[in-house]
mmCIF file of all heavy atoms, coordinates in Angstrom:
data_MODEL
# 
_entry.id   MODEL 
# 
loop_
_atom_site.group_PDB 
_atom_site.id 
_atom_site.type_symbol 
_atom_site.label_atom_id 
_atom_site.label_alt_id 
_atom_site.label_comp_id 
_atom_site.label_asym_id 
_atom_site.label_entity_id 
_atom_site.label_seq_id 
_atom_site.pdbx_PDB_ins_code 
_atom_site.Cartn_x 
_atom_site.Cartn_y 
_atom_site.Cartn_z 
_atom_site.occupancy 
_atom_site.B_iso_or_equiv 
_atom_site.pdbx_formal_charge 
_atom_site.auth_seq_id 
_atom_site.auth_comp_id 
_atom_site.auth_asym_id 
_atom_site.auth_atom_id 
_atom_site.pdbx_PDB_model_num 
ATOM 1   N N   . GLU A 1 1  ? 19.329 -42.507 -36.251 1.00 0.00 ? 1  GLU A N   1 
ATOM 2   C CA  . GLU A 1 1  ? 20.504 -43.319 -36.576 1.00 0.00 ? 1  GLU A CA  1 
ATOM 3   C C   . GLU A 1 1  ? 21.779 -42.485 -36.428 1.00 0.00 ? 1  GLU A C   1 
ATOM 4   O O   . GLU A 1 1  ? 22.798 -42.988 -35.948 1.00 0.00 ? 1  GLU A O   1 
ATOM 5   C CB  . GLU A 1 1  ? 20.400 -43.880 -37.998 1.00 0.00 ? 1  GLU A CB  1 
ATOM 6   C CG  . GLU A 1 1  ? 19.286 -44.885 -38.189 1.00 0.00 ? 1  GLU A CG  1 
ATOM 7   C CD  . GLU A 1 1  ? 19.465 -46.151 -37.379 1.00 0.00 ? 1  GLU A CD  1 
ATOM 8   O OE1 . GLU A 1 1  ? 20.596 -46.651 -37.255 1.00 0.00 ? 1  GLU A OE1 1 
ATOM 9   O OE2 . GLU A 1 1  ? 18.451 -46.652 -36.852 1.00 0.00 ? 1  GLU A OE2 1 
ATOM 10  N N   . LEU A 1 2  ? 21.724 -41.231 -36.829 1.00 0.00 ? 2  LEU A N   1 
ATOM 11  C CA  . LEU A 1 2  ? 22.894 -40.357 -36.711 1.00 0.00 ? 2  LEU A CA  1 
ATOM 12  C C   . LEU A 1 2  ? 23.287 -40.163 -35.252 1.00 0.00 ? 2  LEU A C   1 
ATOM 13  O O   . LEU A 1 2  ? 24.473 -40.179 -34.911 1.00 0.00 ? 2  LEU A O   1 
ATOM 14  C CB  . LEU A 1 2  ? 22.618 -39.011 -37.385 1.00 0.00 ? 2  LEU A CB  1 
ATOM 15  C CG  . LEU A 1 2  ? 23.794 -38.058 -37.487 1.00 0.00 ? 2  LEU A CG  1 
ATOM 16  C CD1 . LEU A 1 2  ? 24.963 -38.702 -38.224 1.00 0.00 ? 2  LEU A CD1 1 
ATOM 17  C CD2 . LEU A 1 2  ? 23.361 -36.785 -38.195 1.00 0.00 ? 2  LEU A CD2 1 
ATOM 18  N N   . ILE A 1 3  ? 22.313 -40.022 -34.382 1.00 0.00 ? 3  ILE A N   1 
ATOM 19  C CA  . ILE A 1 3  ? 22.595 -39.903 -32.946 1.00 0.00 ? 3  ILE A CA  1 
ATOM 20  C C   . ILE A 1 3  ? 23.257 -41.185 -32.444 1.00 0.00 ? 3  ILE A C   1 
ATOM 21  O O   . ILE A 1 3  ? 24.249 -41.142 -31.704 1.00 0.00 ? 3  ILE A O   1 
ATOM 22  C CB  . ILE A 1 3  ? 21.298 -39.595 -32.164 1.00 0.00 ? 3  ILE A CB  1 
ATOM 23  C CG1 . ILE A 1 3  ? 20.822 -38.181 -32.469 1.00 0.00 ? 3  ILE A CG1 1 
ATOM 24  C CG2 . ILE A 1 3  ? 21.514 -39.782 -30.658 1.00 0.00 ? 3  ILE A CG2 1 
ATOM 25  C CD1 . ILE A 1 3  ? 19.432 -37.884 -31.975 1.00 0.00 ? 3  ILE A CD1 1 
ATOM 26  N N   . SER A 1 4  ? 22.741 -42.329 -32.850 1.00 0.00 ? 4  SER A N   1 
ATOM 27  C CA  . SER A 1 4  ? 23.305 -43.600 -32.422 1.00 0.00 ? 4  SER A CA  1 
ATOM 28  C C   . SER A 1 4  ? 24.726 -43.796 -32.949 1.00 0.00 ? 4  SER A C   1 
ATOM 29  O O   . SER A 1 4  ? 25.600 -44.293 -32.225 1.00 0.00 ? 4  SER A O   1 
ATOM 30  C CB  . SER A 1 4  ? 22.400 -44.744 -32.882 1.00 0.00 ? 4  SER A CB  1 
ATOM 31  O OG  . SER A 1 4  ? 22.879 -45.971 -32.415 1.00 0.00 ? 4  SER A OG  1 
ATOM 32  N N   . ILE A 1 5  ? 24.975 -43.400 -34.180 1.00 0.00 ? 5  ILE A N   1 
ATOM 33  C CA  . ILE A 1 5  ? 26.327 -43.481 -34.747 1.00 0.00 ? 5  ILE A CA  1 
ATOM 34  C C   . ILE A 1 5  ? 27.278 -42.608 -33.943 1.00 0.00 ? 5  ILE A C   1 
ATOM 35  O O   . ILE A 1 5  ? 28.410 -43.005 -33.622 1.00 0.00 ? 5  ILE A O   1 
ATOM 36  C CB  . ILE A 1 5  ? 26.325 -43.073 -36.237 1.00 0.00 ? 5  ILE A CB  1 
ATOM 37  C CG1 . ILE A 1 5  ? 25.575 -44.112 -37.074 1.00 0.00 ? 5  ILE A CG1 1 
ATOM 38  C CG2 . ILE A 1 5  ? 27.748 -42.882 -36.759 1.00 0.00 ? 5  ILE A CG2 1 
ATOM 39  C CD1 . ILE A 1 5  ? 25.228 -43.646 -38.480 1.00 0.00 ? 5  ILE A CD1 1 
ATOM 40  N N   . THR A 1 6  ? 26.821 -41.421 -33.582 1.00 0.00 ? 6  THR A N   1 
ATOM 41  C CA  . THR A 1 6  ? 27.638 -40.500 -32.792 1.00 0.00 ? 6  THR A CA  1 
ATOM 42  C C   . THR A 1 6  ? 27.932 -41.085 -31.412 1.00 0.00 ? 6  THR A C   1 
ATOM 43  O O   . THR A 1 6  ? 29.055 -40.994 -30.911 1.00 0.00 ? 6  THR A O   1 
ATOM 44  C CB  . THR A 1 6  ? 26.930 -39.138 -32.668 1.00 0.00 ? 6  THR A CB  1 
ATOM 45  O OG1 . THR A 1 6  ? 26.612 -38.664 -33.983 1.00 0.00 ? 6  THR A OG1 1 
ATOM 46  C CG2 . THR A 1 6  ? 27.804 -38.123 -31.973 1.00 0.00 ? 6  THR A CG2 1 
ATOM 47  N N   . GLU A 1 7  ? 26.925 -41.696 -30.789 1.00 0.00 ? 7  GLU A N   1 
ATOM 48  C CA  . GLU A 1 7  ? 27.138 -42.356 -29.496 1.00 0.00 ? 7  GLU A CA  1 
ATOM 49  C C   . GLU A 1 7  ? 28.171 -43.465 -29.625 1.00 0.00 ? 7  GLU A C   1 
ATOM 50  O O   . GLU A 1 7  ? 29.045 -43.601 -28.758 1.00 0.00 ? 7  GLU A O   1 
ATOM 51  C CB  . GLU A 1 7  ? 25.821 -42.949 -28.975 1.00 0.00 ? 7  GLU A CB  1 
ATOM 52  C CG  . GLU A 1 7  ? 24.827 -41.932 -28.507 1.00 0.00 ? 7  GLU A CG  1 
ATOM 53  C CD  . GLU A 1 7  ? 23.486 -42.562 -28.148 1.00 0.00 ? 7  GLU A CD  1 
ATOM 54  O OE1 . GLU A 1 7  ? 23.199 -43.699 -28.610 1.00 0.00 ? 7  GLU A OE1 1 
ATOM 55  O OE2 . GLU A 1 7  ? 22.733 -41.938 -27.411 1.00 0.00 ? 7  GLU A OE2 1 
ATOM 56  N N   . ASN A 1 8  ? 28.069 -44.258 -30.682 1.00 0.00 ? 8  ASN A N   1 
ATOM 57  C CA  . ASN A 1 8  ? 29.036 -45.334 -30.889 1.00 0.00 ? 8  ASN A CA  1 
ATOM 58  C C   . ASN A 1 8  ? 30.442 -44.780 -31.059 1.00 0.00 ? 8  ASN A C   1 
ATOM 59  O O   . ASN A 1 8  ? 31.407 -45.350 -30.535 1.00 0.00 ? 8  ASN A O   1 
ATOM 60  C CB  . ASN A 1 8  ? 28.652 -46.190 -32.099 1.00 0.00 ? 8  ASN A CB  1 
ATOM 61  C CG  . ASN A 1 8  ? 27.443 -47.051 -31.840 1.00 0.00 ? 8  ASN A CG  1 
ATOM 62  O OD1 . ASN A 1 8  ? 27.060 -47.296 -30.703 1.00 0.00 ? 8  ASN A OD1 1 
ATOM 63  N ND2 . ASN A 1 8  ? 26.815 -47.512 -32.909 1.00 0.00 ? 8  ASN A ND2 1 
ATOM 64  N N   . ALA A 1 9  ? 30.568 -43.676 -31.764 1.00 0.00 ? 9  ALA A N   1 
ATOM 65  C CA  . ALA A 1 9  ? 31.883 -43.049 -31.930 1.00 0.00 ? 9  ALA A CA  1 
ATOM 66  C C   . ALA A 1 9  ? 32.442 -42.629 -30.572 1.00 0.00 ? 9  ALA A C   1 
ATOM 67  O O   . ALA A 1 9  ? 33.626 -42.821 -30.289 1.00 0.00 ? 9  ALA A O   1 
ATOM 68  C CB  . ALA A 1 9  ? 31.784 -41.844 -32.866 1.00 0.00 ? 9  ALA A CB  1 
ATOM 69  N N   . GLY A 1 10 ? 31.583 -42.067 -29.722 1.00 0.00 ? 10 GLY A N   1 
ATOM 70  C CA  . GLY A 1 10 ? 32.015 -41.684 -28.383 1.00 0.00 ? 10 GLY A CA  1 
ATOM 71  C C   . GLY A 1 10 ? 32.449 -42.892 -27.571 1.00 0.00 ? 10 GLY A C   1 
ATOM 72  O O   . GLY A 1 10 ? 33.444 -42.838 -26.836 1.00 0.00 ? 10 GLY A O   1 
ATOM 73  N N   . LEU A 1 11 ? 31.728 -44.014 -27.685 1.00 0.00 ? 11 LEU A N   1 
ATOM 74  C CA  . LEU A 1 11 ? 32.089 -45.231 -26.958 1.00 0.00 ? 11 LEU A CA  1 
ATOM 75  C C   . LEU A 1 11 ? 33.393 -45.835 -27.467 1.00 0.00 ? 11 LEU A C   1 
ATOM 76  O O   . LEU A 1 11 ? 34.069 -46.572 -26.750 1.00 0.00 ? 11 LEU A O   1 
ATOM 77  C CB  . LEU A 1 11 ? 30.960 -46.264 -27.054 1.00 0.00 ? 11 LEU A CB  1 
ATOM 78  C CG  . LEU A 1 11 ? 29.682 -45.913 -26.301 1.00 0.00 ? 11 LEU A CG  1 
ATOM 79  C CD1 . LEU A 1 11 ? 28.558 -46.883 -26.661 1.00 0.00 ? 11 LEU A CD1 1 
ATOM 80  C CD2 . LEU A 1 11 ? 29.925 -45.894 -24.799 1.00 0.00 ? 11 LEU A CD2 1 
ATOM 81  N N   . MET A 1 12 ? 33.768 -45.497 -28.696 1.00 0.00 ? 12 MET A N   1 
ATOM 82  C CA  . MET A 1 12 ? 35.043 -45.954 -29.248 1.00 0.00 ? 12 MET A CA  1 
ATOM 83  C C   . MET A 1 12 ? 36.203 -45.072 -28.780 1.00 0.00 ? 12 MET A C   1 
ATOM 84  O O   . MET A 1 12 ? 37.354 -45.353 -29.075 1.00 0.00 ? 12 MET A O   1 
ATOM 85  C CB  . MET A 1 12 ? 34.992 -45.944 -30.781 1.00 0.00 ? 12 MET A CB  1 
ATOM 86  C CG  . MET A 1 12 ? 34.146 -46.994 -31.388 1.00 0.00 ? 12 MET A CG  1 
ATOM 87  S SD  . MET A 1 12 ? 34.215 -46.810 -33.181 1.00 0.00 ? 12 MET A SD  1 
ATOM 88  C CE  . MET A 1 12 ? 32.897 -47.879 -33.678 1.00 0.00 ? 12 MET A CE  1 
ATOM 89  N N   . GLY A 1 13 ? 35.870 -43.979 -28.100 1.00 0.00 ? 13 GLY A N   1 
ATOM 90  C CA  . GLY A 1 13 ? 36.912 -43.090 -27.599 1.00 0.00 ? 13 GLY A CA  1 
ATOM 91  C C   . GLY A 1 13 ? 37.207 -41.914 -28.501 1.00 0.00 ? 13 GLY A C   1 
ATOM 92  O O   . GLY A 1 13 ? 38.159 -41.171 -28.256 1.00 0.00 ? 13 GLY A O   1 
ATOM 93  N N   . ILE A 1 14 ? 36.410 -41.735 -29.532 1.00 0.00 ? 14 ILE A N   1 
ATOM 94  C CA  . ILE A 1 14 ? 36.600 -40.583 -30.413 1.00 0.00 ? 14 ILE A CA  1 
ATOM 95  C C   . ILE A 1 14 ? 36.101 -39.347 -29.669 1.00 0.00 ? 14 ILE A C   1 
ATOM 96  O O   . ILE A 1 14 ? 34.957 -39.327 -29.209 1.00 0.00 ? 14 ILE A O   1 
ATOM 97  C CB  . ILE A 1 14 ? 35.844 -40.770 -31.744 1.00 0.00 ? 14 ILE A CB  1 
ATOM 98  C CG1 . ILE A 1 14 ? 36.424 -41.965 -32.496 1.00 0.00 ? 14 ILE A CG1 1 
ATOM 99  C CG2 . ILE A 1 14 ? 35.897 -39.503 -32.591 1.00 0.00 ? 14 ILE A CG2 1 
ATOM 100 C CD1 . ILE A 1 14 ? 35.644 -42.370 -33.721 1.00 0.00 ? 14 ILE A CD1 1 
ATOM 101 N N   . PRO A 1 15 ? 36.944 -38.320 -29.525 1.00 0.00 ? 15 PRO A N   1 
ATOM 102 C CA  . PRO A 1 15 ? 36.498 -37.132 -28.791 1.00 0.00 ? 15 PRO A CA  1 
ATOM 103 C C   . PRO A 1 15 ? 35.385 -36.406 -29.542 1.00 0.00 ? 15 PRO A C   1 
ATOM 104 O O   . PRO A 1 15 ? 35.505 -36.135 -30.733 1.00 0.00 ? 15 PRO A O   1 
ATOM 105 C CB  . PRO A 1 15 ? 37.757 -36.270 -28.691 1.00 0.00 ? 15 PRO A CB  1 
ATOM 106 C CG  . PRO A 1 15 ? 38.710 -36.811 -29.689 1.00 0.00 ? 15 PRO A CG  1 
ATOM 107 C CD  . PRO A 1 15 ? 38.305 -38.218 -29.999 1.00 0.00 ? 15 PRO A CD  1 
ATOM 108 N N   . LEU A 1 16 ? 34.305 -36.133 -28.825 1.00 0.00 ? 16 LEU A N   1 
ATOM 109 C CA  . LEU A 1 16 ? 33.164 -35.440 -29.420 1.00 0.00 ? 16 LEU A CA  1 
ATOM 110 C C   . LEU A 1 16 ? 33.070 -34.042 -28.841 1.00 0.00 ? 16 LEU A C   1 
ATOM 111 O O   . LEU A 1 16 ? 33.344 -33.835 -27.649 1.00 0.00 ? 16 LEU A O   1 
ATOM 112 C CB  . LEU A 1 16 ? 31.873 -36.218 -29.124 1.00 0.00 ? 16 LEU A CB  1 
ATOM 113 C CG  . LEU A 1 16 ? 31.796 -37.640 -29.664 1.00 0.00 ? 16 LEU A CG  1 
ATOM 114 C CD1 . LEU A 1 16 ? 30.539 -38.327 -29.154 1.00 0.00 ? 16 LEU A CD1 1 
ATOM 115 C CD2 . LEU A 1 16 ? 31.820 -37.637 -31.172 1.00 0.00 ? 16 LEU A CD2 1 
ATOM 116 N N   . PRO A 1 17 ? 32.648 -33.086 -29.650 1.00 0.00 ? 17 PRO A N   1 
ATOM 117 C CA  . PRO A 1 17 ? 32.464 -31.729 -29.117 1.00 0.00 ? 17 PRO A CA  1 
ATOM 118 C C   . PRO A 1 17 ? 31.433 -31.730 -27.991 1.00 0.00 ? 17 PRO A C   1 
ATOM 119 O O   . PRO A 1 17 ? 30.444 -32.473 -28.037 1.00 0.00 ? 17 PRO A O   1 
ATOM 120 C CB  . PRO A 1 17 ? 31.946 -30.932 -30.324 1.00 0.00 ? 17 PRO A CB  1 
ATOM 121 C CG  . PRO A 1 17 ? 32.305 -31.744 -31.518 1.00 0.00 ? 17 PRO A CG  1 
ATOM 122 C CD  . PRO A 1 17 ? 32.360 -33.167 -31.072 1.00 0.00 ? 17 PRO A CD  1 
ATOM 123 N N   . GLY A 1 18 ? 31.653 -30.901 -26.984 1.00 0.00 ? 18 GLY A N   1 
ATOM 124 C CA  . GLY A 1 18 ? 30.755 -30.826 -25.837 1.00 0.00 ? 18 GLY A CA  1 
ATOM 125 C C   . GLY A 1 18 ? 29.322 -30.522 -26.227 1.00 0.00 ? 18 GLY A C   1 
ATOM 126 O O   . GLY A 1 18 ? 28.386 -31.063 -25.633 1.00 0.00 ? 18 GLY A O   1 
ATOM 127 N N   . VAL A 1 19 ? 29.137 -29.671 -27.206 1.00 0.00 ? 19 VAL A N   1 
ATOM 128 C CA  . VAL A 1 19 ? 27.792 -29.300 -27.652 1.00 0.00 ? 19 VAL A CA  1 
ATOM 129 C C   . VAL A 1 19 ? 27.056 -30.534 -28.165 1.00 0.00 ? 19 VAL A C   1 
ATOM 130 O O   . VAL A 1 19 ? 25.879 -30.738 -27.866 1.00 0.00 ? 19 VAL A O   1 
ATOM 131 C CB  . VAL A 1 19 ? 27.875 -28.220 -28.764 1.00 0.00 ? 19 VAL A CB  1 
ATOM 132 C CG1 . VAL A 1 19 ? 26.527 -27.955 -29.374 1.00 0.00 ? 19 VAL A CG1 1 
ATOM 133 C CG2 . VAL A 1 19 ? 28.490 -26.948 -28.226 1.00 0.00 ? 19 VAL A CG2 1 
ATOM 134 N N   . LEU A 1 20 ? 27.756 -31.361 -28.905 1.00 0.00 ? 20 LEU A N   1 
ATOM 135 C CA  . LEU A 1 20 ? 27.148 -32.569 -29.456 1.00 0.00 ? 20 LEU A CA  1 
ATOM 136 C C   . LEU A 1 20 ? 26.781 -33.546 -28.345 1.00 0.00 ? 20 LEU A C   1 
ATOM 137 O O   . LEU A 1 20 ? 25.695 -34.126 -28.345 1.00 0.00 ? 20 LEU A O   1 
ATOM 138 C CB  . LEU A 1 20 ? 28.123 -33.214 -30.443 1.00 0.00 ? 20 LEU A CB  1 
ATOM 139 C CG  . LEU A 1 20 ? 27.601 -34.264 -31.398 1.00 0.00 ? 20 LEU A CG  1 
ATOM 140 C CD1 . LEU A 1 20 ? 26.424 -33.742 -32.194 1.00 0.00 ? 20 LEU A CD1 1 
ATOM 141 C CD2 . LEU A 1 20 ? 28.705 -34.700 -32.335 1.00 0.00 ? 20 LEU A CD2 1 
ATOM 142 N N   . THR A 1 21 ? 27.661 -33.716 -27.388 1.00 0.00 ? 21 THR A N   1 
ATOM 143 C CA  . THR A 1 21 ? 27.392 -34.609 -26.261 1.00 0.00 ? 21 THR A CA  1 
ATOM 144 C C   . THR A 1 21 ? 26.193 -34.136 -25.455 1.00 0.00 ? 21 THR A C   1 
ATOM 145 O O   . THR A 1 21 ? 25.326 -34.937 -25.081 1.00 0.00 ? 21 THR A O   1 
ATOM 146 C CB  . THR A 1 21 ? 28.631 -34.691 -25.345 1.00 0.00 ? 21 THR A CB  1 
ATOM 147 O OG1 . THR A 1 21 ? 29.752 -35.056 -26.141 1.00 0.00 ? 21 THR A OG1 1 
ATOM 148 C CG2 . THR A 1 21 ? 28.449 -35.710 -24.255 1.00 0.00 ? 21 THR A CG2 1 
ATOM 149 N N   . LYS A 1 22 ? 26.112 -32.828 -25.206 1.00 0.00 ? 22 LYS A N   1 
ATOM 150 C CA  . LYS A 1 22 ? 24.973 -32.280 -24.457 1.00 0.00 ? 22 LYS A CA  1 
ATOM 151 C C   . LYS A 1 22 ? 23.672 -32.444 -25.232 1.00 0.00 ? 22 LYS A C   1 
ATOM 152 O O   . LYS A 1 22 ? 22.635 -32.764 -24.655 1.00 0.00 ? 22 LYS A O   1 
ATOM 153 C CB  . LYS A 1 22 ? 25.217 -30.805 -24.131 1.00 0.00 ? 22 LYS A CB  1 
ATOM 154 C CG  . LYS A 1 22 ? 26.260 -30.601 -23.060 1.00 0.00 ? 22 LYS A CG  1 
ATOM 155 C CD  . LYS A 1 22 ? 26.490 -29.128 -22.789 1.00 0.00 ? 22 LYS A CD  1 
ATOM 156 C CE  . LYS A 1 22 ? 27.628 -28.942 -21.794 1.00 0.00 ? 22 LYS A CE  1 
ATOM 157 N NZ  . LYS A 1 22 ? 27.956 -27.536 -21.580 1.00 0.00 ? 22 LYS A NZ  1 
ATOM 158 N N   . ALA A 1 23 ? 23.721 -32.234 -26.542 1.00 0.00 ? 23 ALA A N   1 
ATOM 159 C CA  . ALA A 1 23 ? 22.516 -32.381 -27.363 1.00 0.00 ? 23 ALA A CA  1 
ATOM 160 C C   . ALA A 1 23 ? 22.011 -33.821 -27.324 1.00 0.00 ? 23 ALA A C   1 
ATOM 161 O O   . ALA A 1 23 ? 20.800 -34.065 -27.208 1.00 0.00 ? 23 ALA A O   1 
ATOM 162 C CB  . ALA A 1 23 ? 22.812 -31.961 -28.803 1.00 0.00 ? 23 ALA A CB  1 
ATOM 163 N N   . ILE A 1 24 ? 22.912 -34.782 -27.379 1.00 0.00 ? 24 ILE A N   1 
ATOM 164 C CA  . ILE A 1 24 ? 22.514 -36.187 -27.312 1.00 0.00 ? 24 ILE A CA  1 
ATOM 165 C C   . ILE A 1 24 ? 21.911 -36.502 -25.951 1.00 0.00 ? 24 ILE A C   1 
ATOM 166 O O   . ILE A 1 24 ? 20.884 -37.184 -25.857 1.00 0.00 ? 24 ILE A O   1 
ATOM 167 C CB  . ILE A 1 24 ? 23.714 -37.109 -27.622 1.00 0.00 ? 24 ILE A CB  1 
ATOM 168 C CG1 . ILE A 1 24 ? 24.083 -36.995 -29.098 1.00 0.00 ? 24 ILE A CG1 1 
ATOM 169 C CG2 . ILE A 1 24 ? 23.404 -38.555 -27.260 1.00 0.00 ? 24 ILE A CG2 1 
ATOM 170 C CD1 . ILE A 1 24 ? 25.371 -37.671 -29.478 1.00 0.00 ? 24 ILE A CD1 1 
ATOM 171 N N   . ASP A 1 25 ? 22.520 -35.985 -24.885 1.00 0.00 ? 25 ASP A N   1 
ATOM 172 C CA  . ASP A 1 25 ? 21.982 -36.209 -23.536 1.00 0.00 ? 25 ASP A CA  1 
ATOM 173 C C   . ASP A 1 25 ? 20.580 -35.641 -23.393 1.00 0.00 ? 25 ASP A C   1 
ATOM 174 O O   . ASP A 1 25 ? 19.703 -36.274 -22.812 1.00 0.00 ? 25 ASP A O   1 
ATOM 175 C CB  . ASP A 1 25 ? 22.904 -35.600 -22.475 1.00 0.00 ? 25 ASP A CB  1 
ATOM 176 C CG  . ASP A 1 25 ? 24.185 -36.386 -22.301 1.00 0.00 ? 25 ASP A CG  1 
ATOM 177 O OD1 . ASP A 1 25 ? 24.218 -37.565 -22.702 1.00 0.00 ? 25 ASP A OD1 1 
ATOM 178 O OD2 . ASP A 1 25 ? 25.160 -35.813 -21.774 1.00 0.00 ? 25 ASP A OD2 1 
# 
């Protein structure tokens, strides 16, 4: 759920740290 919440934040345009984006990928 935390990963999905983070993805939703990214889709809203909230800048995410690169490390977090890579970990989700």
